[in-house]
Amino acid sequence: MINCNELHLIVKLDRLDTTLH
């Protein structure tokens, strides 16, 4: 299981990735 901090990081990276593409 991933904790909240990791989930936030994943979401941030996902948003960045979406913005870049």
PDB file of N, CA and C in Angstrom:
ATOM      1  N   MET A   1       0.842  -1.214   0.000  1.00  0.00           N
ATOM      2  CA  MET A   1       0.000   0.000   0.000  1.00  0.00           C
ATOM      3  C   MET A   1       0.872   1.256   0.000  1.00  0.00           C
ATOM      4  N   ILE A   2       0.403   2.268  -0.664  1.00  0.00           N
ATOM      5  CA  ILE A   2       1.145   3.532  -0.677  1.00  0.00           C
ATOM      6  C   ILE A   2       0.497   4.500   0.298  1.00  0.00           C
ATOM      7  N   ASN A   3       1.310   5.335   0.896  1.00  0.00           N
ATOM      8  CA  ASN A   3       0.764   6.299   1.858  1.00  0.00           C
ATOM      9  C   ASN A   3       0.335   7.580   1.152  1.00  0.00           C
ATOM     10  N   CYS A   4      -0.250   8.482   1.907  1.00  0.00           N
ATOM     11  CA  CYS A   4      -0.796   9.725   1.333  1.00  0.00           C
ATOM     12  C   CYS A   4       0.288  10.562   0.660  1.00  0.00           C
ATOM     13  N   ASN A   5       1.462  10.637   1.280  1.00  0.00           N
ATOM     14  CA  ASN A   5       2.543  11.439   0.702  1.00  0.00           C
ATOM     15  C   ASN A   5       2.931  10.927  -0.680  1.00  0.00           C
ATOM     16  N   GLU A   6       3.048   9.619  -0.806  1.00  0.00           N
ATOM     17  CA  GLU A   6       3.403   9.054  -2.114  1.00  0.00           C
ATOM     18  C   GLU A   6       2.295   9.306  -3.127  1.00  0.00           C
ATOM     19  N   LEU A   7       1.067   9.205  -2.656  1.00  0.00           N
ATOM     20  CA  LEU A   7      -0.066   9.438  -3.547  1.00  0.00           C
ATOM     21  C   LEU A   7      -0.056  10.876  -4.051  1.00  0.00           C
ATOM     22  N   HIS A   8       0.248  11.819  -3.168  1.00  0.00           N
ATOM     23  CA  HIS A   8       0.322  13.225  -3.577  1.00  0.00           C
ATOM     24  C   HIS A   8       1.405  13.418  -4.621  1.00  0.00           C
ATOM     25  N   LEU A   9       2.550  12.775  -4.404  1.00  0.00           N
ATOM     26  CA  LEU A   9       3.635  12.887  -5.365  1.00  0.00           C
ATOM     27  C   LEU A   9       3.223  12.338  -6.722  1.00  0.00           C
ATOM     28  N   ILE A  10       2.551  11.199  -6.695  1.00  0.00           N
ATOM     29  CA  ILE A  10       2.103  10.576  -7.940  1.00  0.00           C
ATOM     30  C   ILE A  10       1.134  11.501  -8.677  1.00  0.00           C
ATOM     31  N   VAL A  11       0.223  12.087  -7.920  1.00  0.00           N
ATOM     32  CA  VAL A  11      -0.753  12.995  -8.534  1.00  0.00           C
ATOM     33  C   VAL A  11      -0.050  14.224  -9.113  1.00  0.00           C
ATOM     34  N   LYS A  12       0.899  14.764  -8.370  1.00  0.00           N
ATOM     35  CA  LYS A  12       1.634  15.929  -8.866  1.00  0.00           C
ATOM     36  C   LYS A  12       2.375  15.578 -10.151  1.00  0.00           C
ATOM     37  N   LEU A  13       3.059  14.445 -10.166  1.00  0.00           N
ATOM     38  CA  LEU A  13       3.793  14.022 -11.355  1.00  0.00           C
ATOM     39  C   LEU A  13       2.840  13.788 -12.522  1.00  0.00           C
ATOM     40  N   ASP A  14       1.703  13.203 -12.206  1.00  0.00           N
ATOM     41  CA  ASP A  14       0.717  12.936 -13.250  1.00  0.00           C
ATOM     42  C   ASP A  14       0.203  14.241 -13.846  1.00  0.00           C
ATOM     43  N   ARG A  15      -0.034  15.211 -12.999  1.00  0.00           N
ATOM     44  CA  ARG A  15      -0.506  16.509 -13.493  1.00  0.00           C
ATOM     45  C   ARG A  15       0.567  17.193 -14.328  1.00  0.00           C
ATOM     46  N   LEU A  16       1.817  17.115 -13.857  1.00  0.00           N
ATOM     47  CA  LEU A  16       2.916  17.703 -14.615  1.00  0.00           C
ATOM     48  C   LEU A  16       3.023  17.045 -15.981  1.00  0.00           C
ATOM     49  N   ASP A  17       2.925  15.725 -15.979  1.00  0.00           N
ATOM     50  CA  ASP A  17       3.018  14.978 -17.227  1.00  0.00           C
ATOM     51  C   ASP A  17       1.907  15.392 -18.182  1.00  0.00           C
ATOM     52  N   THR A  18       0.725  15.577 -17.644  1.00  0.00           N
ATOM     53  CA  THR A  18      -0.410  15.982 -18.477  1.00  0.00           C
ATOM     54  C   THR A  18      -0.198  17.384 -19.023  1.00  0.00           C
ATOM     55  N   THR A  19       0.395  18.255 -18.212  1.00  0.00           N
ATOM     56  CA  THR A  19       0.628  19.633 -18.664  1.00  0.00           C
ATOM     57  C   THR A  19       1.696  19.670 -19.750  1.00  0.00           C
ATOM     58  N   LEU A  20       2.718  18.846 -19.596  1.00  0.00           N
ATOM     59  CA  LEU A  20       3.810  18.838 -20.556  1.00  0.00           C
ATOM     60  C   LEU A  20       3.375  18.286 -21.909  1.00  0.00           C
ATOM     61  N   HIS A  21       2.502  17.327 -21.873  1.00  0.00           N
ATOM     62  CA  HIS A  21       2.087  16.714 -23.135  1.00  0.00           C
ATOM     63  C   HIS A  21       0.878  17.412 -23.706  1.00  0.00           C
TER      64      HIS A  21
END
